[in-house]
Amino acid sequence: MVKYLQLVLCITPHDMKDSEILKAVIEKAEKNGYIKGVDNETTLRGIIFSHDFAKAFWGGTSKNSVPIWKYNLQKLVLEEDKLQYLKQFI
């Protein structure tokens, strides 16, 4: 988890609130089976837009025959503040 927070803080300036949101979001995904190593090539966008992350974070139930993770991932792409969108699901 510390690696994720270091990653975020290195990519763009975030206030503590954003760091706390990201920590909680990643912890939720990890509790649901998300496993991702962090290296120099990993980016915040690379994590939150990955299908593996989305499946673990939102789960596999369906909304109108579309898996909920796909539905929310599509909405996330359109959101201006990605972390605030994710925050509502933690």
Protein backbone atom coordinates (compact mmCIF):
# COMPACT_ATOMS: atom_id res chain seq x y z
CA MET A 1 0.00 0.00 0.00
CA VAL A 2 2.81 2.42 0.79
CA LYS A 3 4.17 1.91 -2.73
CA TYR A 4 0.81 2.98 -4.19
CA LEU A 5 0.75 6.16 -2.15
CA GLN A 6 4.36 6.95 -3.09
CA LEU A 7 3.42 6.37 -6.71
CA VAL A 8 0.51 8.80 -6.56
CA LEU A 9 2.47 11.47 -4.79
CA CYS A 10 5.24 11.21 -7.38
CA ILE A 11 2.95 11.40 -10.41
CA THR A 12 1.01 14.57 -9.66
CA PRO A 13 0.54 16.78 -6.66
CA HIS A 14 -2.32 15.50 -4.50
CA ASP A 15 -3.52 16.76 -1.20
CA MET A 16 -3.84 14.36 1.69
CA LYS A 17 -7.51 13.84 1.03
CA ASP A 18 -6.84 12.45 -2.45
CA SER A 19 -4.13 10.18 -1.04
CA GLU A 20 -6.55 8.85 1.56
CA ILE A 21 -9.19 8.22 -1.10
CA LEU A 22 -6.71 6.36 -3.28
CA LYS A 23 -5.52 4.28 -0.35
CA ALA A 24 -9.08 3.24 0.51
CA VAL A 25 -9.95 2.53 -3.13
CA ILE A 26 -6.92 0.30 -3.63
CA GLU A 27 -7.46 -1.45 -0.30
CA LYS A 28 -11.03 -2.30 -1.33
CA ALA A 29 -9.86 -3.69 -4.66
CA GLU A 30 -7.10 -5.70 -2.95
CA LYS A 31 -9.61 -7.18 -0.48
CA ASN A 32 -11.60 -8.35 -3.50
CA GLY A 33 -8.59 -10.03 -5.12
CA TYR A 34 -6.80 -7.27 -7.03
CA ILE A 35 -3.06 -7.93 -7.20
CA LYS A 36 -0.80 -5.48 -8.95
CA GLY A 37 2.89 -4.89 -8.55
CA VAL A 38 4.07 -1.31 -8.70
CA ASP A 39 7.18 -0.43 -10.62
CA ASN A 40 8.56 2.61 -12.43
CA GLU A 41 6.23 1.98 -15.37
CA THR A 42 3.03 1.91 -13.30
CA THR A 43 0.82 4.99 -13.37
CA LEU A 44 -2.29 5.96 -11.48
CA ARG A 45 -4.27 5.78 -14.71
CA GLY A 46 -2.74 2.39 -15.42
CA ILE A 47 -4.17 1.13 -12.15
CA ILE A 48 -7.64 2.67 -12.05
CA PHE A 49 -8.42 2.02 -15.72
CA SER A 50 -7.30 -1.61 -15.75
CA HIS A 51 -9.99 -4.23 -16.18
CA ASP A 52 -8.55 -6.32 -13.34
CA PHE A 53 -8.79 -3.36 -10.96
CA ALA A 54 -12.33 -2.51 -12.09
CA LYS A 55 -13.53 -6.10 -11.69
CA ALA A 56 -12.13 -6.29 -8.16
CA PHE A 57 -13.32 -2.82 -7.15
CA TRP A 58 -16.89 -2.96 -8.48
CA GLY A 59 -17.49 -6.70 -8.70
CA GLY A 60 -19.12 -8.76 -11.37
CA THR A 61 -22.85 -8.17 -10.95
CA SER A 62 -24.80 -6.79 -13.89
CA LYS A 63 -26.76 -3.63 -14.53
CA ASN A 64 -29.06 -3.94 -17.55
CA SER A 65 -27.02 -6.96 -18.78
CA VAL A 66 -23.75 -4.96 -18.65
CA PRO A 67 -21.25 -6.04 -15.97
CA ILE A 68 -21.24 -3.35 -13.29
CA TRP A 69 -17.46 -2.99 -13.48
CA LYS A 70 -17.70 -2.13 -17.21
CA TYR A 71 -20.55 0.30 -16.62
CA ASN A 72 -18.64 2.13 -13.87
CA LEU A 73 -15.35 2.06 -15.75
CA GLN A 74 -17.04 3.77 -18.70
CA LYS A 75 -18.46 6.40 -16.36
CA LEU A 76 -15.06 6.86 -14.71
CA VAL A 77 -13.47 7.67 -18.06
CA LEU A 78 -15.92 10.55 -18.53
CA GLU A 79 -15.54 11.99 -15.03
CA GLU A 80 -13.38 15.06 -14.57
CA ASP A 81 -12.36 14.13 -11.00
CA LYS A 82 -11.61 10.41 -11.12
CA LEU A 83 -10.87 10.01 -7.40
CA GLN A 84 -14.09 11.73 -6.34
CA TYR A 85 -16.02 9.34 -8.59
CA LEU A 86 -14.27 6.34 -7.04
CA LYS A 87 -14.82 7.72 -3.53
CA GLN A 88 -18.57 7.14 -3.68
CA PHE A 89 -17.98 3.36 -3.86
CA ILE A 90 -15.72 2.94 -0.81
